[in-house]
Each structure stands twice: as C-alpha cells, then as structure tokens.
Amino acid sequence: MITKEIKIGGNSNFDIFSLHIGIDPIPVEFKSKIVMIGDNLVYELLSEYDPEFSRIFKIKAEFNPVKVVKEEDIQKFPMFIKKN
C-alpha cells in the first residue's frame, strides 16, 4: 500500500508477533521520483501485465540512444531530474 509516509519501527506484517516497549516515532512524510531505464518491449509488457505500472510511471520518454556527452551536460543533469 502506498501511504507517502515512512514508519520507523517493526514490520507491520509481523507486528502481531513482536512486543513494542517504549514509544513509536510518528510517520515521516516521504516523496520520491522513480526513473526506469529500459527498452520499449519491457515497458509494453509491464504496462500490459502490471495494473499499478501506469499509475506509478505516468510519463514515457524516449531518448536518442547515441548522444555526445559534454562535461556541462553531466553537471546540469541532476538539476534537470530534480526539477522534473
């Protein structure tokens, strides 16, 4: 289940078997971006057979497989990912 929070503590599947002593910290808000790199066949298969794939990966981007990489491009890439 996606809750957009991180809970620090025991695994909820095994809480029935564990004893908690003390206080539990409150859940912390968590945001992330996921980038998947792969070929078109893998994308199509995941789109077809995984019901949550399209909800998690809303944008499909295709890039030219050959690119001359400059030092300037390498320096700017992390900011490009952070903004998008």
Protein backbone atom coordinates (compact mmCIF):
# COMPACT_ATOMS: atom_id res chain seq x y z
CA MET A 1 0.00 0.00 0.00
CA ILE A 2 1.34 3.47 -0.90
CA THR A 3 0.89 5.89 2.01
CA LYS A 4 3.52 8.59 1.21
CA GLU A 5 4.91 8.09 4.72
CA ILE A 6 7.80 6.18 6.23
CA LYS A 7 7.06 4.45 9.50
CA ILE A 8 10.11 3.71 11.61
CA GLY A 9 9.55 0.61 13.65
CA GLY A 10 8.59 -3.02 13.27
CA ASN A 11 7.36 -4.64 10.11
CA SER A 12 3.56 -4.36 10.04
CA ASN A 13 3.30 -7.95 8.75
CA PHE A 14 4.94 -9.22 11.92
CA ASP A 15 3.59 -6.76 14.49
CA ILE A 16 1.34 -9.48 15.86
CA PHE A 17 4.44 -11.42 16.94
CA SER A 18 6.55 -8.60 18.33
CA LEU A 19 6.32 -6.75 21.62
CA HIS A 20 6.85 -3.00 21.50
CA ILE A 21 8.35 -1.33 24.53
CA GLY A 22 8.55 2.45 24.65
CA ILE A 23 7.19 5.00 22.25
CA ASP A 24 6.78 4.70 18.49
CA PRO A 25 8.02 7.64 16.40
CA ILE A 26 5.43 9.37 14.22
CA PRO A 27 5.50 8.56 10.48
CA VAL A 28 7.62 10.90 8.34
CA GLU A 29 6.36 12.29 5.01
CA PHE A 30 8.22 10.78 2.07
CA LYS A 31 8.35 11.90 -1.56
CA SER A 32 10.43 10.36 -4.31
CA LYS A 33 10.80 10.20 -8.06
CA ILE A 34 11.42 6.93 -9.81
CA VAL A 35 13.20 6.75 -13.15
CA MET A 36 13.13 3.46 -15.00
CA ILE A 37 15.51 2.87 -17.88
CA GLY A 38 14.74 0.10 -20.31
CA ASP A 39 13.66 -0.82 -23.79
CA ASN A 40 10.22 -0.44 -25.35
CA LEU A 41 9.38 -4.17 -25.06
CA VAL A 42 9.83 -4.17 -21.28
CA TYR A 43 7.72 -1.01 -20.99
CA GLU A 44 4.90 -2.53 -23.05
CA LEU A 45 4.95 -5.80 -21.09
CA LEU A 46 4.86 -4.03 -17.74
CA SER A 47 2.07 -1.73 -18.94
CA GLU A 48 0.03 -4.73 -20.04
CA TYR A 49 0.54 -7.09 -17.09
CA ASP A 50 1.10 -4.86 -14.04
CA PRO A 51 -2.06 -2.96 -13.04
CA GLU A 52 -0.12 -0.37 -10.98
CA PHE A 53 2.61 0.30 -13.55
CA SER A 54 0.70 3.03 -15.41
CA ARG A 55 -0.18 4.76 -12.14
CA ILE A 56 3.44 4.84 -10.96
CA PHE A 57 5.07 5.60 -14.33
CA LYS A 58 2.81 8.26 -15.85
CA ILE A 59 5.28 9.63 -18.39
CA LYS A 60 7.11 7.67 -21.07
CA ALA A 61 10.09 9.47 -22.54
CA GLU A 62 12.23 8.22 -25.38
CA PHE A 63 15.74 9.45 -25.99
CA ASN A 64 18.16 9.08 -28.86
CA PRO A 65 20.42 6.17 -27.86
CA VAL A 66 23.51 7.99 -29.14
CA LYS A 67 24.49 11.29 -27.51
CA VAL A 68 27.74 13.16 -27.33
CA VAL A 69 28.07 13.95 -23.65
CA LYS A 70 29.79 17.14 -22.62
CA GLU A 71 31.02 17.95 -19.12
CA GLU A 72 28.39 20.73 -18.98
CA ASP A 73 25.62 18.16 -19.61
CA ILE A 74 26.87 15.97 -16.77
CA GLN A 75 26.87 18.93 -14.38
CA LYS A 76 23.31 20.02 -15.33
CA PHE A 77 21.69 16.56 -15.32
CA PRO A 78 20.99 16.28 -11.53
CA MET A 79 19.22 19.67 -11.53
CA PHE A 80 17.15 18.62 -14.57
CA ILE A 81 15.99 15.46 -12.74
CA LYS A 82 15.26 17.41 -9.55
CA LYS A 83 13.10 19.98 -11.37
CA ASN A 84 11.11 17.39 -13.32
